[in-house]
All heavy atoms as atom14 arrays in JSON, in Angstrom:
{
  "sequence": "TKYADSVKGRFTIFRNNAENTVHLQMNSLKPEDRAVYYCRGIWGNYD",
  "atom14_mask": [
    [1, 1, 1, 1, 1, 1, 1, 0, 0, 0, 0, 0, 0, 0],
    [1, 1, 1, 1, 1, 1, 1, 1, 1, 0, 0, 0, 0, 0],
    [1, 1, 1, 1, 1, 1, 1, 1, 1, 1, 1, 1, 0, 0],
    [1, 1, 1, 1, 1, 0, 0, 0, 0, 0, 0, 0, 0, 0],
    [1, 1, 1, 1, 1, 1, 1, 1, 0, 0, 0, 0, 0, 0],
    [1, 1, 1, 1, 1, 1, 0, 0, 0, 0, 0, 0, 0, 0],
    [1, 1, 1, 1, 1, 1, 1, 0, 0, 0, 0, 0, 0, 0],
    [1, 1, 1, 1, 1, 1, 1, 1, 1, 0, 0, 0, 0, 0],
    [1, 1, 1, 1, 0, 0, 0, 0, 0, 0, 0, 0, 0, 0],
    [1, 1, 1, 1, 1, 1, 1, 1, 1, 1, 1, 0, 0, 0],
    [1, 1, 1, 1, 1, 1, 1, 1, 1, 1, 1, 0, 0, 0],
    [1, 1, 1, 1, 1, 1, 1, 0, 0, 0, 0, 0, 0, 0],
    [1, 1, 1, 1, 1, 1, 1, 1, 0, 0, 0, 0, 0, 0],
    [1, 1, 1, 1, 1, 1, 1, 1, 1, 1, 1, 0, 0, 0],
    [1, 1, 1, 1, 1, 1, 1, 1, 1, 1, 1, 0, 0, 0],
    [1, 1, 1, 1, 1, 1, 1, 1, 0, 0, 0, 0, 0, 0],
    [1, 1, 1, 1, 1, 1, 1, 1, 0, 0, 0, 0, 0, 0],
    [1, 1, 1, 1, 1, 0, 0, 0, 0, 0, 0, 0, 0, 0],
    [1, 1, 1, 1, 1, 1, 1, 1, 1, 0, 0, 0, 0, 0],
    [1, 1, 1, 1, 1, 1, 1, 1, 0, 0, 0, 0, 0, 0],
    [1, 1, 1, 1, 1, 1, 1, 0, 0, 0, 0, 0, 0, 0],
    [1, 1, 1, 1, 1, 1, 1, 0, 0, 0, 0, 0, 0, 0],
    [1, 1, 1, 1, 1, 1, 1, 1, 1, 1, 0, 0, 0, 0],
    [1, 1, 1, 1, 1, 1, 1, 1, 0, 0, 0, 0, 0, 0],
    [1, 1, 1, 1, 1, 1, 1, 1, 1, 0, 0, 0, 0, 0],
    [1, 1, 1, 1, 1, 1, 1, 1, 0, 0, 0, 0, 0, 0],
    [1, 1, 1, 1, 1, 1, 1, 1, 0, 0, 0, 0, 0, 0],
    [1, 1, 1, 1, 1, 1, 0, 0, 0, 0, 0, 0, 0, 0],
    [1, 1, 1, 1, 1, 1, 1, 1, 0, 0, 0, 0, 0, 0],
    [1, 1, 1, 1, 1, 1, 1, 1, 1, 0, 0, 0, 0, 0],
    [1, 1, 1, 1, 1, 1, 1, 0, 0, 0, 0, 0, 0, 0],
    [1, 1, 1, 1, 1, 1, 1, 1, 1, 0, 0, 0, 0, 0],
    [1, 1, 1, 1, 1, 1, 1, 1, 0, 0, 0, 0, 0, 0],
    [1, 1, 1, 1, 1, 1, 1, 1, 1, 1, 1, 0, 0, 0],
    [1, 1, 1, 1, 1, 0, 0, 0, 0, 0, 0, 0, 0, 0],
    [1, 1, 1, 1, 1, 1, 1, 0, 0, 0, 0, 0, 0, 0],
    [1, 1, 1, 1, 1, 1, 1, 1, 1, 1, 1, 1, 0, 0],
    [1, 1, 1, 1, 1, 1, 1, 1, 1, 1, 1, 1, 0, 0],
    [1, 1, 1, 1, 1, 1, 0, 0, 0, 0, 0, 0, 0, 0],
    [1, 1, 1, 1, 1, 1, 1, 1, 1, 1, 1, 0, 0, 0],
    [1, 1, 1, 1, 0, 0, 0, 0, 0, 0, 0, 0, 0, 0],
    [1, 1, 1, 1, 1, 1, 1, 1, 0, 0, 0, 0, 0, 0],
    [1, 1, 1, 1, 1, 1, 1, 1, 1, 1, 1, 1, 1, 1],
    [1, 1, 1, 1, 0, 0, 0, 0, 0, 0, 0, 0, 0, 0],
    [1, 1, 1, 1, 1, 1, 1, 1, 0, 0, 0, 0, 0, 0],
    [1, 1, 1, 1, 1, 1, 1, 1, 1, 1, 1, 1, 0, 0],
    [1, 1, 1, 1, 1, 1, 1, 1, 0, 0, 0, 0, 0, 0]
  ],
  "atom14_positions": [
    [[42.6, -4.55, -9.15], [42.96, -5.5, -10.18], [42.35, -6.89, -9.89], [42.0, -7.2, -8.75], [44.49, -5.65, -10.28], [44.99, -6.04, -9.03], [45.13, -4.32, -10.7], [0.0, 0.0, 0.0], [0.0, 0.0, 0.0], [0.0, 0.0, 0.0], [0.0, 0.0, 0.0], [0.0, 0.0, 0.0], [0.0, 0.0, 0.0], [0.0, 0.0, 0.0]],
    [[42.26, -7.67, -10.96], [41.79, -9.05, -10.85], [42.59, -9.83, -11.85], [42.88, -9.41, -12.95], [40.32, -9.11, -11.16], [39.7, -10.5, -11.15], [38.2, -10.45, -11.51], [37.62, -11.85, -11.53], [36.15, -11.78, -11.89], [0.0, 0.0, 0.0], [0.0, 0.0, 0.0], [0.0, 0.0, 0.0], [0.0, 0.0, 0.0], [0.0, 0.0, 0.0]],
    [[42.89, -11.09, -11.46], [43.71, -11.99, -12.29], [43.09, -13.37, -12.42], [42.43, -13.83, -11.49], [45.12, -12.13, -11.7], [45.89, -10.84, -11.65], [45.89, -10.05, -10.55], [46.65, -10.43, -12.76], [46.59, -8.85, -10.46], [47.38, -9.26, -12.7], [47.34, -8.46, -11.56], [48.01, -7.29, -11.5], [0.0, 0.0, 0.0], [0.0, 0.0, 0.0]],
    [[43.35, -13.99, -13.57], [43.0, -15.39, -13.72], [43.95, -16.17, -12.8], [45.08, -15.82, -12.56], [43.24, -15.87, -15.16], [0.0, 0.0, 0.0], [0.0, 0.0, 0.0], [0.0, 0.0, 0.0], [0.0, 0.0, 0.0], [0.0, 0.0, 0.0], [0.0, 0.0, 0.0], [0.0, 0.0, 0.0], [0.0, 0.0, 0.0], [0.0, 0.0, 0.0]],
    [[43.36, -17.25, -12.25], [44.2, -18.07, -11.31], [45.49, -18.56, -11.95], [46.52, -18.67, -11.27], [43.39, -19.3, -10.82], [42.25, -18.9, -9.89], [42.31, -17.77, -9.33], [41.34, -19.72, -9.74], [0.0, 0.0, 0.0], [0.0, 0.0, 0.0], [0.0, 0.0, 0.0], [0.0, 0.0, 0.0], [0.0, 0.0, 0.0], [0.0, 0.0, 0.0]],
    [[45.44, -18.82, -13.22], [46.64, -19.38, -13.92], [47.75, -18.42, -14.03], [48.89, -18.83, -14.28], [46.22, -19.85, -15.32], [45.72, -18.77, -16.09], [0.0, 0.0, 0.0], [0.0, 0.0, 0.0], [0.0, 0.0, 0.0], [0.0, 0.0, 0.0], [0.0, 0.0, 0.0], [0.0, 0.0, 0.0], [0.0, 0.0, 0.0], [0.0, 0.0, 0.0]],
    [[47.51, -17.14, -13.79], [48.6, -16.11, -13.94], [48.9, -15.38, -12.64], [49.86, -14.55, -12.58], [48.29, -15.13, -15.06], [47.96, -15.85, -16.35], [47.17, -14.15, -14.66], [0.0, 0.0, 0.0], [0.0, 0.0, 0.0], [0.0, 0.0, 0.0], [0.0, 0.0, 0.0], [0.0, 0.0, 0.0], [0.0, 0.0, 0.0], [0.0, 0.0, 0.0]],
    [[48.17, -15.64, -11.61], [48.39, -14.94, -10.32], [49.82, -15.15, -9.86], [50.33, -16.27, -9.88], [47.4, -15.45, -9.28], [46.01, -14.87, -9.39], [45.1, -15.38, -8.31], [43.7, -14.82, -8.47], [42.78, -15.37, -7.45], [0.0, 0.0, 0.0], [0.0, 0.0, 0.0], [0.0, 0.0, 0.0], [0.0, 0.0, 0.0], [0.0, 0.0, 0.0]],
    [[50.45, -14.1, -9.44], [51.82, -14.17, -8.95], [52.82, -14.07, -10.04], [54.05, -13.89, -9.77], [0.0, 0.0, 0.0], [0.0, 0.0, 0.0], [0.0, 0.0, 0.0], [0.0, 0.0, 0.0], [0.0, 0.0, 0.0], [0.0, 0.0, 0.0], [0.0, 0.0, 0.0], [0.0, 0.0, 0.0], [0.0, 0.0, 0.0], [0.0, 0.0, 0.0]],
    [[52.42, -14.17, -11.3], [53.36, -14.08, -12.42], [53.1, -12.85, -13.28], [54.06, -12.28, -13.85], [53.26, -15.34, -13.29], [53.54, -16.62, -12.57], [53.63, -17.83, -13.54], [52.36, -18.04, -14.27], [52.24, -18.02, -15.55], [53.3, -17.84, -16.31], [51.06, -18.32, -16.11], [0.0, 0.0, 0.0], [0.0, 0.0, 0.0], [0.0, 0.0, 0.0]],
    [[51.86, -12.45, -13.43], [51.52, -11.34, -14.3], [51.03, -10.18, -13.43], [50.44, -10.35, -12.42], [50.38, -11.73, -15.24], [50.75, -12.72, -16.32], [51.93, -13.4, -16.31], [49.85, -12.97, -17.35], [52.24, -14.32, -17.29], [50.16, -13.88, -18.38], [51.33, -14.54, -18.32], [0.0, 0.0, 0.0], [0.0, 0.0, 0.0], [0.0, 0.0, 0.0]],
    [[51.31, -8.96, -13.93], [50.86, -7.73, -13.28], [50.27, -6.8, -14.29], [50.96, -6.5, -15.3], [52.0, -7.07, -12.52], [52.61, -7.97, -11.59], [51.53, -5.82, -11.81], [0.0, 0.0, 0.0], [0.0, 0.0, 0.0], [0.0, 0.0, 0.0], [0.0, 0.0, 0.0], [0.0, 0.0, 0.0], [0.0, 0.0, 0.0], [0.0, 0.0, 0.0]],
    [[49.1, -6.28, -14.04], [48.49, -5.3, -14.92], [48.58, -3.94, -14.2], [48.38, -3.83, -12.99], [47.02, -5.65, -15.2], [46.44, -4.66, -16.24], [46.17, -5.71, -13.97], [45.06, -5.08, -16.77], [0.0, 0.0, 0.0], [0.0, 0.0, 0.0], [0.0, 0.0, 0.0], [0.0, 0.0, 0.0], [0.0, 0.0, 0.0], [0.0, 0.0, 0.0]],
    [[48.95, -2.91, -15.0], [49.0, -1.59, -14.42], [48.75, -0.59, -15.56], [48.97, -0.91, -16.73], [50.33, -1.32, -13.71], [51.55, -1.45, -14.56], [52.21, -0.35, -15.09], [52.11, -2.73, -14.79], [53.35, -0.5, -15.87], [53.24, -2.85, -15.55], [53.88, -1.76, -16.09], [0.0, 0.0, 0.0], [0.0, 0.0, 0.0], [0.0, 0.0, 0.0]],
    [[48.35, 0.61, -15.16], [47.99, 1.59, -16.16], [48.68, 2.89, -15.91], [49.04, 3.22, -14.79], [46.46, 1.79, -16.16], [45.88, 2.35, -14.87], [44.34, 2.27, -14.87], [43.77, 3.07, -15.98], [42.56, 2.86, -16.46], [41.8, 1.91, -15.97], [42.06, 3.63, -17.43], [0.0, 0.0, 0.0], [0.0, 0.0, 0.0], [0.0, 0.0, 0.0]],
    [[48.84, 3.66, -16.96], [49.41, 4.97, -16.91], [48.42, 5.91, -17.6], [48.45, 6.01, -18.88], [50.79, 5.02, -17.57], [51.45, 6.35, -17.43], [50.82, 7.42, -17.36], [52.77, 6.38, -17.38], [0.0, 0.0, 0.0], [0.0, 0.0, 0.0], [0.0, 0.0, 0.0], [0.0, 0.0, 0.0], [0.0, 0.0, 0.0], [0.0, 0.0, 0.0]],
    [[47.59, 6.59, -16.86], [46.56, 7.41, -17.49], [47.18, 8.62, -18.22], [46.58, 9.09, -19.2], [45.57, 7.89, -16.44], [44.67, 6.77, -15.94], [44.52, 5.73, -16.58], [44.09, 6.99, -14.76], [0.0, 0.0, 0.0], [0.0, 0.0, 0.0], [0.0, 0.0, 0.0], [0.0, 0.0, 0.0], [0.0, 0.0, 0.0], [0.0, 0.0, 0.0]],
    [[48.28, 9.1, -17.76], [48.91, 10.23, -18.45], [49.37, 9.85, -19.86], [49.45, 10.7, -20.71], [50.09, 10.73, -17.61], [0.0, 0.0, 0.0], [0.0, 0.0, 0.0], [0.0, 0.0, 0.0], [0.0, 0.0, 0.0], [0.0, 0.0, 0.0], [0.0, 0.0, 0.0], [0.0, 0.0, 0.0], [0.0, 0.0, 0.0], [0.0, 0.0, 0.0]],
    [[49.66, 8.55, -20.06], [50.11, 8.12, -21.35], [49.08, 7.3, -22.1], [49.38, 6.75, -23.16], [51.41, 7.29, -21.22], [52.57, 8.11, -20.67], [53.87, 7.31, -20.59], [53.82, 6.06, -20.82], [54.93, 7.91, -20.31], [0.0, 0.0, 0.0], [0.0, 0.0, 0.0], [0.0, 0.0, 0.0], [0.0, 0.0, 0.0], [0.0, 0.0, 0.0]],
    [[47.88, 7.2, -21.54], [46.79, 6.44, -22.16], [47.19, 4.99, -22.43], [46.86, 4.43, -23.5], [46.33, 7.12, -23.46], [45.58, 8.39, -23.26], [45.38, 8.78, -22.1], [45.18, 9.04, -24.3], [0.0, 0.0, 0.0], [0.0, 0.0, 0.0], [0.0, 0.0, 0.0], [0.0, 0.0, 0.0], [0.0, 0.0, 0.0], [0.0, 0.0, 0.0]],
    [[47.9, 4.41, -21.5], [48.36, 3.02, -21.74], [48.05, 2.14, -20.57], [47.95, 2.56, -19.41], [49.87, 2.99, -21.95], [50.52, 3.57, -20.81], [50.32, 3.72, -23.17], [0.0, 0.0, 0.0], [0.0, 0.0, 0.0], [0.0, 0.0, 0.0], [0.0, 0.0, 0.0], [0.0, 0.0, 0.0], [0.0, 0.0, 0.0], [0.0, 0.0, 0.0]],
    [[47.86, 0.87, -20.87], [47.78, -0.2, -19.88], [48.78, -1.26, -20.28], [48.98, -1.54, -21.47], [46.32, -0.76, -19.82], [45.86, -1.36, -21.13], [46.21, -1.77, -18.66], [0.0, 0.0, 0.0], [0.0, 0.0, 0.0], [0.0, 0.0, 0.0], [0.0, 0.0, 0.0], [0.0, 0.0, 0.0], [0.0, 0.0, 0.0], [0.0, 0.0, 0.0]],
    [[49.45, -1.78, -19.27], [50.51, -2.71, -19.53], [50.18, -4.09, -18.83], [49.47, -4.09, -17.86], [51.85, -2.19, -18.96], [52.23, -0.87, -19.51], [52.83, -0.7, -20.74], [52.09, 0.36, -18.98], [53.09, 0.57, -20.92], [52.62, 1.22, -19.87], [0.0, 0.0, 0.0], [0.0, 0.0, 0.0], [0.0, 0.0, 0.0], [0.0, 0.0, 0.0]],
    [[50.76, -5.09, -19.4], [50.73, -6.39, -18.75], [52.16, -6.92, -18.65], [52.76, -7.26, -19.66], [49.86, -7.38, -19.56], [49.67, -8.75, -18.88], [48.8, -8.61, -17.62], [49.01, -9.73, -19.84], [0.0, 0.0, 0.0], [0.0, 0.0, 0.0], [0.0, 0.0, 0.0], [0.0, 0.0, 0.0], [0.0, 0.0, 0.0], [0.0, 0.0, 0.0]],
    [[52.68, -6.92, -17.43], [54.01, -7.47, -17.19], [53.86, -8.93, -16.96], [53.16, -9.35, -16.02], [54.67, -6.76, -16.0], [56.04, -7.31, -15.66], [57.06, -7.06, -16.74], [57.11, -5.96, -17.3], [57.88, -8.01, -17.03], [0.0, 0.0, 0.0], [0.0, 0.0, 0.0], [0.0, 0.0, 0.0], [0.0, 0.0, 0.0], [0.0, 0.0, 0.0]],
    [[54.53, -9.74, -17.79], [54.42, -11.21, -17.71], [55.8, -11.79, -17.36], [56.73, -11.63, -18.14], [53.94, -11.77, -19.04], [52.62, -11.11, -19.53], [51.93, -11.88, -20.99], [53.2, -11.48, -22.19], [0.0, 0.0, 0.0], [0.0, 0.0, 0.0], [0.0, 0.0, 0.0], [0.0, 0.0, 0.0], [0.0, 0.0, 0.0], [0.0, 0.0, 0.0]],
    [[55.85, -12.39, -16.2], [57.1, -13.03, -15.78], [56.92, -14.51, -15.67], [55.78, -15.01, -15.61], [57.54, -12.44, -14.41], [57.79, -10.96, -14.44], [58.26, -10.44, -15.46], [57.53, -10.27, -13.35], [0.0, 0.0, 0.0], [0.0, 0.0, 0.0], [0.0, 0.0, 0.0], [0.0, 0.0, 0.0], [0.0, 0.0, 0.0], [0.0, 0.0, 0.0]],
    [[58.01, -15.21, -15.56], [57.94, -16.69, -15.43], [57.03, -17.33, -16.44], [56.15, -18.14, -16.09], [57.51, -17.04, -14.04], [58.37, -16.51, -13.05], [0.0, 0.0, 0.0], [0.0, 0.0, 0.0], [0.0, 0.0, 0.0], [0.0, 0.0, 0.0], [0.0, 0.0, 0.0], [0.0, 0.0, 0.0], [0.0, 0.0, 0.0], [0.0, 0.0, 0.0]],
    [[57.17, -16.93, -17.69], [56.28, -17.4, -18.72], [56.41, -18.9, -18.93], [57.5, -19.47, -18.82], [56.53, -16.66, -20.01], [55.94, -15.26, -20.04], [56.62, -14.4, -21.13], [54.44, -15.31, -20.33], [0.0, 0.0, 0.0], [0.0, 0.0, 0.0], [0.0, 0.0, 0.0], [0.0, 0.0, 0.0], [0.0, 0.0, 0.0], [0.0, 0.0, 0.0]],
    [[55.27, -19.51, -19.25], [55.2, -20.94, -19.47], [54.71, -21.21, -20.92], [54.05, -20.38, -21.5], [54.23, -21.57, -18.51], [54.51, -21.29, -17.06], [53.44, -21.89, -16.16], [53.71, -21.64, -14.68], [52.64, -22.16, -13.82], [0.0, 0.0, 0.0], [0.0, 0.0, 0.0], [0.0, 0.0, 0.0], [0.0, 0.0, 0.0], [0.0, 0.0, 0.0]],
    [[55.01, -22.36, -21.46], [54.51, -22.67, -22.81], [53.0, -22.56, -22.92], [52.52, -22.13, -23.95], [55.02, -24.12, -22.99], [56.22, -24.23, -22.18], [55.96, -23.36, -20.97], [0.0, 0.0, 0.0], [0.0, 0.0, 0.0], [0.0, 0.0, 0.0], [0.0, 0.0, 0.0], [0.0, 0.0, 0.0], [0.0, 0.0, 0.0], [0.0, 0.0, 0.0]],
    [[52.31, -22.8, -21.84], [50.84, -22.72, -21.89], [50.33, -21.27, -21.92], [49.12, -21.02, -22.04], [50.18, -23.46, -20.73], [50.73, -23.13, -19.38], [51.8, -24.1, -18.92], [52.68, -24.5, -19.73], [51.77, -24.5, -17.7], [0.0, 0.0, 0.0], [0.0, 0.0, 0.0], [0.0, 0.0, 0.0], [0.0, 0.0, 0.0], [0.0, 0.0, 0.0]],
    [[51.22, -20.3, -21.77], [50.85, -18.88, -21.87], [50.79, -18.45, -23.36], [50.39, -17.33, -23.65], [51.81, -18.0, -21.13], [51.78, -18.19, -19.64], [50.64, -18.32, -19.06], [52.86, -18.25, -19.0], [0.0, 0.0, 0.0], [0.0, 0.0, 0.0], [0.0, 0.0, 0.0], [0.0, 0.0, 0.0], [0.0, 0.0, 0.0], [0.0, 0.0, 0.0]],
    [[51.2, -19.34, -24.23], [51.21, -19.03, -25.65], [49.78, -18.7, -26.13], [48.87, -19.52, -25.9], [51.78, -20.14, -26.49], [51.67, -19.91, -27.97], [51.93, -21.22, -28.74], [51.76, -21.0, -30.16], [51.43, -21.94, -31.05], [51.22, -23.15, -30.6], [51.34, -21.69, -32.32], [0.0, 0.0, 0.0], [0.0, 0.0, 0.0], [0.0, 0.0, 0.0]],
    [[49.58, -17.54, -26.71], [48.25, -17.16, -27.21], [48.37, -15.81, -27.9], [49.41, -15.17, -27.88], [47.27, -17.04, -26.02], [0.0, 0.0, 0.0], [0.0, 0.0, 0.0], [0.0, 0.0, 0.0], [0.0, 0.0, 0.0], [0.0, 0.0, 0.0], [0.0, 0.0, 0.0], [0.0, 0.0, 0.0], [0.0, 0.0, 0.0], [0.0, 0.0, 0.0]],
    [[47.25, -15.42, -28.51], [47.13, -14.04, -28.96], [46.53, -13.26, -27.78], [45.49, -13.67, -27.25], [46.27, -13.92, -30.19], [46.12, -12.44, -30.59], [46.88, -14.73, -31.35], [0.0, 0.0, 0.0], [0.0, 0.0, 0.0], [0.0, 0.0, 0.0], [0.0, 0.0, 0.0], [0.0, 0.0, 0.0], [0.0, 0.0, 0.0], [0.0, 0.0, 0.0]],
    [[47.19, -12.17, -27.4], [46.71, -11.35, -26.27], [46.02, -10.13, -26.8], [46.54, -9.41, -27.68], [47.9, -11.0, -25.38], [48.37, -12.12, -24.53], [49.01, -13.24, -25.08], [48.11, -12.15, -23.16], [49.42, -14.31, -24.29], [48.53, -13.21, -22.36], [49.18, -14.26, -22.95], [49.56, -15.34, -22.16], [0.0, 0.0, 0.0], [0.0, 0.0, 0.0]],
    [[44.83, -9.86, -26.22], [44.02, -8.72, -26.67], [43.79, -7.76, -25.49], [43.62, -8.2, -24.35], [42.65, -9.23, -27.15], [42.71, -10.15, -28.34], [42.8, -11.52, -28.18], [42.62, -9.6, -29.63], [42.83, -12.32, -29.3], [42.64, -10.43, -30.73], [42.75, -11.8, -30.55], [42.79, -12.62, -31.64], [0.0, 0.0, 0.0], [0.0, 0.0, 0.0]],
    [[43.76, -6.52, -25.87], [43.43, -5.48, -24.91], [41.96, -5.11, -25.11], [41.47, -5.05, -26.24], [44.31, -4.23, -25.2], [43.97, -2.75, -24.31], [0.0, 0.0, 0.0], [0.0, 0.0, 0.0], [0.0, 0.0, 0.0], [0.0, 0.0, 0.0], [0.0, 0.0, 0.0], [0.0, 0.0, 0.0], [0.0, 0.0, 0.0], [0.0, 0.0, 0.0]],
    [[41.29, -4.86, -24.03], [39.85, -4.48, -24.05], [39.65, -3.27, -23.15], [40.14, -3.27, -22.0], [38.97, -5.63, -23.59], [37.47, -5.3, -23.62], [36.67, -6.36, -22.93], [35.24, -6.14, -23.02], [34.34, -6.76, -22.23], [34.78, -7.61, -21.28], [33.07, -6.52, -22.37], [0.0, 0.0, 0.0], [0.0, 0.0, 0.0], [0.0, 0.0, 0.0]],
    [[38.94, -2.33, -23.64], [38.55, -1.17, -22.84], [37.0, -1.05, -22.71], [36.33, -1.26, -23.66], [0.0, 0.0, 0.0], [0.0, 0.0, 0.0], [0.0, 0.0, 0.0], [0.0, 0.0, 0.0], [0.0, 0.0, 0.0], [0.0, 0.0, 0.0], [0.0, 0.0, 0.0], [0.0, 0.0, 0.0], [0.0, 0.0, 0.0], [0.0, 0.0, 0.0]],
    [[36.58, -0.74, -21.51], [35.14, -0.67, -21.28], [34.83, 0.73, -20.76], [35.34, 1.16, -19.72], [34.68, -1.72, -20.23], [35.05, -3.12, -20.69], [33.19, -1.57, -19.96], [34.81, -4.14, -19.65], [0.0, 0.0, 0.0], [0.0, 0.0, 0.0], [0.0, 0.0, 0.0], [0.0, 0.0, 0.0], [0.0, 0.0, 0.0], [0.0, 0.0, 0.0]],
    [[34.0, 1.41, -21.55], [33.52, 2.75, -21.19], [32.0, 2.64, -21.0], [31.25, 2.69, -21.98], [33.8, 3.76, -22.26], [35.25, 4.19, -22.38], [35.82, 5.34, -21.87], [36.32, 3.52, -23.08], [37.15, 5.38, -22.2], [37.48, 4.29, -22.92], [36.41, 2.28, -23.8], [38.74, 3.93, -23.46], [37.61, 1.91, -24.34], [38.77, 2.75, -24.17]],
    [[31.54, 2.47, -19.8], [30.11, 2.38, -19.53], [29.56, 1.17, -20.33], [29.91, 0.05, -20.1], [0.0, 0.0, 0.0], [0.0, 0.0, 0.0], [0.0, 0.0, 0.0], [0.0, 0.0, 0.0], [0.0, 0.0, 0.0], [0.0, 0.0, 0.0], [0.0, 0.0, 0.0], [0.0, 0.0, 0.0], [0.0, 0.0, 0.0], [0.0, 0.0, 0.0]],
    [[28.61, 1.47, -21.23], [27.95, 0.39, -22.01], [28.7, 0.02, -23.27], [28.21, -0.8, -24.03], [26.55, 0.83, -22.36], [25.66, 0.96, -21.14], [25.82, 0.23, -20.15], [24.71, 1.89, -21.2], [0.0, 0.0, 0.0], [0.0, 0.0, 0.0], [0.0, 0.0, 0.0], [0.0, 0.0, 0.0], [0.0, 0.0, 0.0], [0.0, 0.0, 0.0]],
    [[29.85, 0.6, -23.49], [30.59, 0.37, -24.73], [31.96, -0.28, -24.43], [32.56, 0.03, -23.4], [30.84, 1.69, -25.47], [29.57, 2.39, -25.87], [29.0, 3.35, -25.04], [28.95, 2.07, -27.09], [27.83, 3.96, -25.39], [27.77, 2.71, -27.44], [27.2, 3.68, -26.6], [26.05, 4.3, -26.95], [0.0, 0.0, 0.0], [0.0, 0.0, 0.0]],
    [[32.32, -1.18, -25.28], [33.69, -1.75, -25.14], [34.35, -1.83, -26.5], [33.7, -1.92, -27.53], [33.64, -3.1, -24.44], [33.06, -4.19, -25.26], [32.22, -3.86, -26.14], [33.44, -5.37, -25.12], [0.0, 0.0, 0.0], [0.0, 0.0, 0.0], [0.0, 0.0, 0.0], [0.0, 0.0, 0.0], [0.0, 0.0, 0.0], [0.0, 0.0, 0.0]]
  ]
}
């Protein structure tokens, strides 16, 4: 895993391949975390 410095220690990314899902657990949220959050998947040369 890799995290932006601004979220290290507060956010955790994890995946469940059996359920085809990836999650982002966000704790200790701050007003500056306000945004639209997007999921991106990269398969070789395609995303």
